[in-house]
Amino acid sequence: MCLSIPSKVVKISEDKTVCTVDTMGVKRDASLLMMGEDGVKIGDFVLLHIGFVMEKIDEKEALSSIETYKEILEAMDEEERRQAILEDDNCANR
């Protein structure tokens, strides 16, 4: 199962095709090619799927979702936590 954990945009490439996002402390690059003209800016919260930013989401909604994920992660051991956060990088739908 792939979860789309809200991620915060922390960097955008000069050509605006790739951004770096922070997903609960894990940084990764994501393509912006699916965003069309809506674009994102540094500080926006987004949802990713298989390495692509799919949509921007409201900051309040993002922070609420992150808190829920943190509660779930607290019940896991360290390796399970890391895998849950990185899971969309290995999504079977890719």
C-alpha atoms as a PDB file:
ATOM      1  CA  MET A   1       0.000   0.000   0.000  1.00  0.00           C
ATOM      2  CA  CYS A   2       1.258   3.466  -0.851  1.00  0.00           C
ATOM      3  CA  LEU A   3       0.570   6.345   1.487  1.00  0.00           C
ATOM      4  CA  SER A   4       0.851   9.932   0.416  1.00  0.00           C
ATOM      5  CA  ILE A   5       2.229  11.727   3.446  1.00  0.00           C
ATOM      6  CA  PRO A   6       2.081  15.525   3.190  1.00  0.00           C
ATOM      7  CA  SER A   7       5.494  16.897   2.294  1.00  0.00           C
ATOM      8  CA  LYS A   8       6.800  20.456   2.520  1.00  0.00           C
ATOM      9  CA  VAL A   9       8.531  21.988  -0.505  1.00  0.00           C
ATOM     10  CA  VAL A  10      11.975  23.213   0.592  1.00  0.00           C
ATOM     11  CA  LYS A  11      13.667  23.850  -2.765  1.00  0.00           C
ATOM     12  CA  ILE A  12      12.658  24.307  -6.414  1.00  0.00           C
ATOM     13  CA  SER A  13      14.944  23.845  -9.401  1.00  0.00           C
ATOM     14  CA  GLU A  14      15.654  26.854 -11.610  1.00  0.00           C
ATOM     15  CA  ASP A  15      13.635  25.344 -14.459  1.00  0.00           C
ATOM     16  CA  LYS A  16      10.750  24.594 -12.038  1.00  0.00           C
ATOM     17  CA  THR A  17      10.519  20.932 -13.095  1.00  0.00           C
ATOM     18  CA  VAL A  18      11.812  19.387  -9.854  1.00  0.00           C
ATOM     19  CA  CYS A  19      11.488  20.263  -6.208  1.00  0.00           C
ATOM     20  CA  THR A  20      12.997  18.951  -3.001  1.00  0.00           C
ATOM     21  CA  VAL A  21      10.455  18.079  -0.350  1.00  0.00           C
ATOM     22  CA  ASP A  22      10.767  17.267   3.331  1.00  0.00           C
ATOM     23  CA  THR A  23       8.592  14.344   4.401  1.00  0.00           C
ATOM     24  CA  MET A  24       8.790  14.171   8.184  1.00  0.00           C
ATOM     25  CA  GLY A  25      12.548  14.779   8.113  1.00  0.00           C
ATOM     26  CA  VAL A  26      13.316  12.727   4.998  1.00  0.00           C
ATOM     27  CA  LYS A  27      14.290  14.846   1.995  1.00  0.00           C
ATOM     28  CA  ARG A  28      13.791  13.697  -1.579  1.00  0.00           C
ATOM     29  CA  ASP A  29      13.370  15.144  -5.042  1.00  0.00           C
ATOM     30  CA  ALA A  30       9.995  15.072  -6.783  1.00  0.00           C
ATOM     31  CA  SER A  31       8.909  15.972 -10.284  1.00  0.00           C
ATOM     32  CA  LEU A  32       6.679  19.009 -10.784  1.00  0.00           C
ATOM     33  CA  LEU A  33       5.685  18.015 -14.327  1.00  0.00           C
ATOM     34  CA  MET A  34       2.163  16.915 -13.253  1.00  0.00           C
ATOM     35  CA  MET A  35       1.352  20.251 -11.627  1.00  0.00           C
ATOM     36  CA  GLY A  36       0.607  22.192 -14.810  1.00  0.00           C
ATOM     37  CA  GLU A  37       0.167  25.911 -14.379  1.00  0.00           C
ATOM     38  CA  ASP A  38      -0.815  25.749 -10.703  1.00  0.00           C
ATOM     39  CA  GLY A  39       2.841  25.401  -9.689  1.00  0.00           C
ATOM     40  CA  VAL A  40       4.156  25.295  -6.165  1.00  0.00           C
ATOM     41  CA  LYS A  41       6.379  27.563  -4.134  1.00  0.00           C
ATOM     42  CA  ILE A  42       8.789  26.981  -1.291  1.00  0.00           C
ATOM     43  CA  GLY A  43       6.822  26.379   1.905  1.00  0.00           C
ATOM     44  CA  ASP A  44       3.805  24.784   0.193  1.00  0.00           C
ATOM     45  CA  PHE A  45       2.599  21.382   1.339  1.00  0.00           C
ATOM     46  CA  VAL A  46       2.072  18.809  -1.395  1.00  0.00           C
ATOM     47  CA  LEU A  47       1.060  15.190  -1.898  1.00  0.00           C
ATOM     48  CA  LEU A  48       3.352  12.897  -3.886  1.00  0.00           C
ATOM     49  CA  HIS A  49       2.671   9.741  -5.833  1.00  0.00           C
ATOM     50  CA  ILE A  50       5.456   7.664  -7.376  1.00  0.00           C
ATOM     51  CA  GLY A  51       7.867  10.599  -7.359  1.00  0.00           C
ATOM     52  CA  PHE A  52       5.502  13.226  -8.782  1.00  0.00           C
ATOM     53  CA  VAL A  53       3.865  16.126  -6.962  1.00  0.00           C
ATOM     54  CA  MET A  54       0.159  15.533  -7.603  1.00  0.00           C
ATOM     55  CA  GLU A  55      -1.439  18.418  -5.723  1.00  0.00           C
ATOM     56  CA  LYS A  56      -0.958  21.192  -3.220  1.00  0.00           C
ATOM     57  CA  ILE A  57      -2.825  20.869   0.051  1.00  0.00           C
ATOM     58  CA  ASP A  58      -3.853  23.270   2.764  1.00  0.00           C
ATOM     59  CA  GLU A  59      -1.221  23.742   5.494  1.00  0.00           C
ATOM     60  CA  LYS A  60      -3.732  23.114   8.312  1.00  0.00           C
ATOM     61  CA  GLU A  61      -4.858  19.851   6.676  1.00  0.00           C
ATOM     62  CA  ALA A  62      -1.228  18.839   6.062  1.00  0.00           C
ATOM     63  CA  LEU A  63      -0.174  19.440   9.662  1.00  0.00           C
ATOM     64  CA  SER A  64      -3.207  17.554  10.968  1.00  0.00           C
ATOM     65  CA  SER A  65      -2.380  14.576   8.725  1.00  0.00           C
ATOM     66  CA  ILE A  66       1.267  14.641   9.815  1.00  0.00           C
ATOM     67  CA  GLU A  67       0.210  14.485  13.470  1.00  0.00           C
ATOM     68  CA  THR A  68      -1.933  11.421  12.706  1.00  0.00           C
ATOM     69  CA  TYR A  69       0.991   9.759  10.907  1.00  0.00           C
ATOM     70  CA  LYS A  70       3.249  10.516  13.886  1.00  0.00           C
ATOM     71  CA  GLU A  71       0.817   8.704  16.199  1.00  0.00           C
ATOM     72  CA  ILE A  72       0.853   5.687  13.892  1.00  0.00           C
ATOM     73  CA  LEU A  73       4.654   5.772  13.607  1.00  0.00           C
ATOM     74  CA  GLU A  74       5.079   5.859  17.396  1.00  0.00           C
ATOM     75  CA  ALA A  75       3.648   2.352  17.504  1.00  0.00           C
ATOM     76  CA  MET A  76       6.307   1.076  15.073  1.00  0.00           C
ATOM     77  CA  ASP A  77       9.963   0.245  15.555  1.00  0.00           C
ATOM     78  CA  GLU A  78      12.694   2.373  13.885  1.00  0.00           C
ATOM     79  CA  GLU A  79      13.023   0.334  10.672  1.00  0.00           C
ATOM     80  CA  GLU A  80       9.250   0.100  10.191  1.00  0.00           C
ATOM     81  CA  ARG A  81       9.050   3.902  10.608  1.00  0.00           C
ATOM     82  CA  ARG A  82      11.692   4.619   8.007  1.00  0.00           C
ATOM     83  CA  GLN A  83      10.083   2.197   5.550  1.00  0.00           C
ATOM     84  CA  ALA A  84       6.654   3.794   6.044  1.00  0.00           C
ATOM     85  CA  ILE A  85       8.054   7.251   5.297  1.00  0.00           C
ATOM     86  CA  LEU A  86      10.021   6.059   2.263  1.00  0.00           C
ATOM     87  CA  GLU A  87       7.297   3.715   0.984  1.00  0.00           C
ATOM     88  CA  ASP A  88       6.145   5.881  -1.908  1.00  0.00           C
ATOM     89  CA  ASP A  89       9.644   5.627  -3.427  1.00  0.00           C
ATOM     90  CA  ASN A  90       9.019   1.895  -3.866  1.00  0.00           C
ATOM     91  CA  CYS A  91       5.326   1.992  -4.725  1.00  0.00           C
ATOM     92  CA  ALA A  92       4.144  -1.031  -6.697  1.00  0.00           C
ATOM     93  CA  ASN A  93       2.166   1.223  -9.048  1.00  0.00           C
ATOM     94  CA  ARG A  94       5.355   2.651 -10.514  1.00  0.00           C
END
